[in-house]
């Protein structure tokens, strides 16, 4: 049986914003044994208060150098898109990590990252699509994005 959790949660956000059931899970116990790697970002929940949509992500296993920054950016973007589709303002993104780790072969890269001065946060502009599933690449614009040179590191599985 297939369940479209994202569409179901978006409908709850729109119609029952006080619901405590706005939860999406990637963890399916019946299928974990067949997966190459069980989902690291396992569960996220939305919360509506004062016209703002917030999201909390629970991540069971956390590659702090390569994985977590990507997951934070991805779920923050999803929160912006869900808020836009529900007619709400974006609220907070809260990240919770279970097994947080830095791999031995990432130590030098982490030290280099920590030595850098951060730049101001960029802004993102999103052109509203007809539905959550109609967004296209050109609907997104990142404004005032400054970045340091790339730090390469091997992906661990």
C-alpha atoms as a PDB file:
ATOM      1  CA  UNK A   1       0.000   0.000   0.000  1.00  0.00           C
ATOM      2  CA  UNK A   2       1.304   3.438  -0.925  1.00  0.00           C
ATOM      3  CA  UNK A   3       0.685   6.459   1.300  1.00  0.00           C
ATOM      4  CA  UNK A   4       1.499   9.986   0.121  1.00  0.00           C
ATOM      5  CA  UNK A   5       2.611  11.318   3.491  1.00  0.00           C
ATOM      6  CA  UNK A   6       3.684  14.709   2.134  1.00  0.00           C
ATOM      7  CA  UNK A   7       0.302  15.458   0.534  1.00  0.00           C
ATOM      8  CA  UNK A   8      -1.494  14.208   3.642  1.00  0.00           C
ATOM      9  CA  UNK A   9       0.542  16.475   5.912  1.00  0.00           C
ATOM     10  CA  UNK A  10       0.086  19.485   3.622  1.00  0.00           C
ATOM     11  CA  UNK A  11      -3.686  18.910   3.758  1.00  0.00           C
ATOM     12  CA  UNK A  12      -3.541  18.768   7.568  1.00  0.00           C
ATOM     13  CA  UNK A  13      -1.531  21.998   7.654  1.00  0.00           C
ATOM     14  CA  UNK A  14      -4.191  23.682   5.520  1.00  0.00           C
ATOM     15  CA  UNK A  15      -7.299  22.263   7.191  1.00  0.00           C
ATOM     16  CA  UNK A  16      -6.310  21.294  10.746  1.00  0.00           C
ATOM     17  CA  UNK A  17      -3.352  23.516  11.672  1.00  0.00           C
ATOM     18  CA  UNK A  18      -3.711  22.586  15.366  1.00  0.00           C
ATOM     19  CA  UNK A  19      -3.175  18.890  14.619  1.00  0.00           C
ATOM     20  CA  UNK A  20      -0.371  17.113  16.428  1.00  0.00           C
ATOM     21  CA  UNK A  21      -0.323  14.461  13.699  1.00  0.00           C
ATOM     22  CA  UNK A  22       1.615  16.369  11.028  1.00  0.00           C
ATOM     23  CA  UNK A  23       4.344  13.725  10.953  1.00  0.00           C
ATOM     24  CA  UNK A  24       6.210  12.127   8.052  1.00  0.00           C
ATOM     25  CA  UNK A  25       8.348   9.051   8.572  1.00  0.00           C
ATOM     26  CA  UNK A  26      10.876   7.415   6.298  1.00  0.00           C
ATOM     27  CA  UNK A  27      11.184   4.449   8.626  1.00  0.00           C
ATOM     28  CA  UNK A  28       9.200   1.420   7.494  1.00  0.00           C
ATOM     29  CA  UNK A  29      10.098  -1.511   9.777  1.00  0.00           C
ATOM     30  CA  UNK A  30       8.746  -4.000   7.227  1.00  0.00           C
ATOM     31  CA  UNK A  31      11.303  -2.822   4.652  1.00  0.00           C
ATOM     32  CA  UNK A  32      14.393  -1.870   6.693  1.00  0.00           C
ATOM     33  CA  UNK A  33      16.058  -5.242   6.113  1.00  0.00           C
ATOM     34  CA  UNK A  34      15.769  -4.830   2.321  1.00  0.00           C
ATOM     35  CA  UNK A  35      17.246  -1.322   2.268  1.00  0.00           C
ATOM     36  CA  UNK A  36      20.875  -0.729   1.345  1.00  0.00           C
ATOM     37  CA  UNK A  37      20.967   1.826   4.165  1.00  0.00           C
ATOM     38  CA  UNK A  38      18.101   2.600   6.556  1.00  0.00           C
ATOM     39  CA  UNK A  39      17.024   6.263   6.379  1.00  0.00           C
ATOM     40  CA  UNK A  40      19.279   8.582   8.371  1.00  0.00           C
ATOM     41  CA  UNK A  41      16.743  11.399   8.473  1.00  0.00           C
ATOM     42  CA  UNK A  42      13.963   9.249   9.857  1.00  0.00           C
ATOM     43  CA  UNK A  43      11.097  11.489  10.935  1.00  0.00           C
ATOM     44  CA  UNK A  44       9.948  15.065  10.653  1.00  0.00           C
ATOM     45  CA  UNK A  45       7.002  16.944  12.103  1.00  0.00           C
ATOM     46  CA  UNK A  46       5.357  20.244  11.250  1.00  0.00           C
ATOM     47  CA  UNK A  47       3.834  22.668  13.730  1.00  0.00           C
ATOM     48  CA  UNK A  48       1.652  25.730  13.077  1.00  0.00           C
ATOM     49  CA  UNK A  49       1.508  28.653  15.519  1.00  0.00           C
ATOM     50  CA  UNK A  50       0.595  32.287  14.954  1.00  0.00           C
ATOM     51  CA  UNK A  51       0.416  31.871  11.175  1.00  0.00           C
ATOM     52  CA  UNK A  52       3.902  30.367  10.961  1.00  0.00           C
ATOM     53  CA  UNK A  53       4.929  26.858   9.925  1.00  0.00           C
ATOM     54  CA  UNK A  54       7.823  25.235  11.764  1.00  0.00           C
ATOM     55  CA  UNK A  55       9.456  21.872  11.177  1.00  0.00           C
ATOM     56  CA  UNK A  56      11.467  19.545  13.397  1.00  0.00           C
ATOM     57  CA  UNK A  57      13.622  16.801  11.901  1.00  0.00           C
ATOM     58  CA  UNK A  58      14.892  13.808  13.846  1.00  0.00           C
ATOM     59  CA  UNK A  59      17.962  12.292  12.262  1.00  0.00           C
ATOM     60  CA  UNK A  60      19.027   8.896  13.671  1.00  0.00           C
ATOM     61  CA  UNK A  61      22.557   8.889  12.214  1.00  0.00           C
ATOM     62  CA  UNK A  62      24.351  12.122  11.508  1.00  0.00           C
ATOM     63  CA  UNK A  63      27.449  12.618   9.357  1.00  0.00           C
ATOM     64  CA  UNK A  64      28.164  16.065  10.780  1.00  0.00           C
ATOM     65  CA  UNK A  65      30.438  17.205   7.968  1.00  0.00           C
ATOM     66  CA  UNK A  66      28.756  16.024   4.765  1.00  0.00           C
ATOM     67  CA  UNK A  67      25.243  14.845   5.604  1.00  0.00           C
ATOM     68  CA  UNK A  68      23.843  17.189   8.225  1.00  0.00           C
ATOM     69  CA  UNK A  69      24.425  20.492   6.366  1.00  0.00           C
ATOM     70  CA  UNK A  70      22.697  19.052   3.280  1.00  0.00           C
ATOM     71  CA  UNK A  71      19.801  17.715   5.366  1.00  0.00           C
ATOM     72  CA  UNK A  72      19.347  21.031   7.165  1.00  0.00           C
ATOM     73  CA  UNK A  73      19.281  22.921   3.858  1.00  0.00           C
ATOM     74  CA  UNK A  74      16.902  20.404   2.253  1.00  0.00           C
ATOM     75  CA  UNK A  75      14.374  20.330   5.076  1.00  0.00           C
ATOM     76  CA  UNK A  76      14.551  24.095   5.528  1.00  0.00           C
ATOM     77  CA  UNK A  77      13.700  24.455   1.843  1.00  0.00           C
ATOM     78  CA  UNK A  78      10.855  21.946   2.197  1.00  0.00           C
ATOM     79  CA  UNK A  79       9.530  23.968   5.143  1.00  0.00           C
ATOM     80  CA  UNK A  80       9.573  27.146   3.033  1.00  0.00           C
ATOM     81  CA  UNK A  81       7.746  25.382   0.196  1.00  0.00           C
ATOM     82  CA  UNK A  82       5.134  23.812   2.503  1.00  0.00           C
ATOM     83  CA  UNK A  83       4.527  27.159   4.214  1.00  0.00           C
ATOM     84  CA  UNK A  84       4.101  28.881   0.869  1.00  0.00           C
ATOM     85  CA  UNK A  85       1.643  26.241  -0.347  1.00  0.00           C
ATOM     86  CA  UNK A  86      -0.365  26.479   2.892  1.00  0.00           C
ATOM     87  CA  UNK A  87      -0.472  30.290   2.880  1.00  0.00           C
ATOM     88  CA  UNK A  88       1.659  30.545   6.017  1.00  0.00           C
ATOM     89  CA  UNK A  89       4.875  32.314   6.895  1.00  0.00           C
ATOM     90  CA  UNK A  90       7.928  30.136   7.520  1.00  0.00           C
ATOM     91  CA  UNK A  91       8.737  29.595  11.180  1.00  0.00           C
ATOM     92  CA  UNK A  92      11.617  27.701  12.744  1.00  0.00           C
ATOM     93  CA  UNK A  93      13.514  24.677  11.573  1.00  0.00           C
ATOM     94  CA  UNK A  94      14.655  22.510  14.485  1.00  0.00           C
ATOM     95  CA  UNK A  95      17.187  19.730  13.962  1.00  0.00           C
ATOM     96  CA  UNK A  96      17.653  16.865  16.421  1.00  0.00           C
ATOM     97  CA  UNK A  97      20.451  14.354  15.988  1.00  0.00           C
ATOM     98  CA  UNK A  98      20.786  10.860  17.405  1.00  0.00           C
ATOM     99  CA  UNK A  99      24.199   9.313  16.658  1.00  0.00           C
ATOM    100  CA  UNK A 100      26.189  12.425  15.683  1.00  0.00           C
ATOM    101  CA  UNK A 101      29.656  11.682  14.364  1.00  0.00           C
ATOM    102  CA  UNK A 102      32.626  12.955  12.389  1.00  0.00           C
ATOM    103  CA  UNK A 103      34.415  10.263  10.414  1.00  0.00           C
ATOM    104  CA  UNK A 104      38.161   9.870  10.972  1.00  0.00           C
ATOM    105  CA  UNK A 105      38.853  10.648   7.315  1.00  0.00           C
ATOM    106  CA  UNK A 106      36.973  13.971   7.649  1.00  0.00           C
ATOM    107  CA  UNK A 107      38.948  15.430  10.581  1.00  0.00           C
ATOM    108  CA  UNK A 108      41.226  17.650   8.468  1.00  0.00           C
ATOM    109  CA  UNK A 109      38.256  18.937   6.465  1.00  0.00           C
ATOM    110  CA  UNK A 110      36.269  19.712   9.626  1.00  0.00           C
ATOM    111  CA  UNK A 111      39.211  21.625  11.096  1.00  0.00           C
ATOM    112  CA  UNK A 112      39.499  23.616   7.878  1.00  0.00           C
ATOM    113  CA  UNK A 113      35.753  24.370   7.956  1.00  0.00           C
ATOM    114  CA  UNK A 114      35.941  25.502  11.570  1.00  0.00           C
ATOM    115  CA  UNK A 115      38.838  27.857  10.781  1.00  0.00           C
ATOM    116  CA  UNK A 116      36.715  29.858   8.336  1.00  0.00           C
ATOM    117  CA  UNK A 117      34.754  32.978   9.194  1.00  0.00           C
ATOM    118  CA  UNK A 118      31.099  32.516   8.244  1.00  0.00           C
ATOM    119  CA  UNK A 119      29.415  34.801   5.739  1.00  0.00           C
ATOM    120  CA  UNK A 120      26.019  36.429   6.323  1.00  0.00           C
ATOM    121  CA  UNK A 121      23.066  34.187   5.504  1.00  0.00           C
ATOM    122  CA  UNK A 122      21.739  34.451   1.958  1.00  0.00           C
ATOM    123  CA  UNK A 123      18.064  34.951   1.159  1.00  0.00           C
ATOM    124  CA  UNK A 124      15.920  32.646  -0.927  1.00  0.00           C
ATOM    125  CA  UNK A 125      13.087  33.701  -3.186  1.00  0.00           C
ATOM    126  CA  UNK A 126      10.592  31.111  -4.341  1.00  0.00           C
ATOM    127  CA  UNK A 127       8.103  31.673  -7.117  1.00  0.00           C
ATOM    128  CA  UNK A 128       4.869  30.004  -5.989  1.00  0.00           C
ATOM    129  CA  UNK A 129       3.952  26.918  -7.986  1.00  0.00           C
ATOM    130  CA  UNK A 130       0.405  25.651  -8.473  1.00  0.00           C
ATOM    131  CA  UNK A 131       1.109  22.713  -6.157  1.00  0.00           C
ATOM    132  CA  UNK A 132       3.909  21.374  -4.015  1.00  0.00           C
ATOM    133  CA  UNK A 133       4.844  18.955  -6.784  1.00  0.00           C
ATOM    134  CA  UNK A 134       4.975  21.555  -9.575  1.00  0.00           C
ATOM    135  CA  UNK A 135       8.080  23.473  -8.488  1.00  0.00           C
ATOM    136  CA  UNK A 136      10.869  23.660 -11.043  1.00  0.00           C
ATOM    137  CA  UNK A 137      14.519  24.636 -10.803  1.00  0.00           C
ATOM    138  CA  UNK A 138      13.877  28.159 -12.125  1.00  0.00           C
ATOM    139  CA  UNK A 139      11.328  28.839  -9.355  1.00  0.00           C
ATOM    140  CA  UNK A 140      14.168  29.243  -6.843  1.00  0.00           C
ATOM    141  CA  UNK A 141      16.577  32.159  -6.523  1.00  0.00           C
ATOM    142  CA  UNK A 142      19.313  32.469  -3.914  1.00  0.00           C
ATOM    143  CA  UNK A 143      20.230  36.094  -3.248  1.00  0.00           C
ATOM    144  CA  UNK A 144      23.480  37.385  -1.712  1.00  0.00           C
ATOM    145  CA  UNK A 145      25.046  33.937  -1.476  1.00  0.00           C
ATOM    146  CA  UNK A 146      28.745  34.088  -0.654  1.00  0.00           C
ATOM    147  CA  UNK A 147      30.776  30.954  -0.190  1.00  0.00           C
ATOM    148  CA  UNK A 148      34.233  29.693   0.556  1.00  0.00           C
ATOM    149  CA  UNK A 149      36.051  27.251  -1.741  1.00  0.00           C
ATOM    150  CA  UNK A 150      34.765  23.682  -1.698  1.00  0.00           C
ATOM    151  CA  UNK A 151      36.180  21.256   0.833  1.00  0.00           C
ATOM    152  CA  UNK A 152      36.128  17.741  -0.588  1.00  0.00           C
ATOM    153  CA  UNK A 153      35.695  14.623   1.527  1.00  0.00           C
ATOM    154  CA  UNK A 154      34.813  10.998   0.755  1.00  0.00           C
ATOM    155  CA  UNK A 155      31.253   9.855   1.461  1.00  0.00           C
ATOM    156  CA  UNK A 156      31.041   7.060   4.024  1.00  0.00           C
ATOM    157  CA  UNK A 157      28.269   4.477   3.908  1.00  0.00           C
END
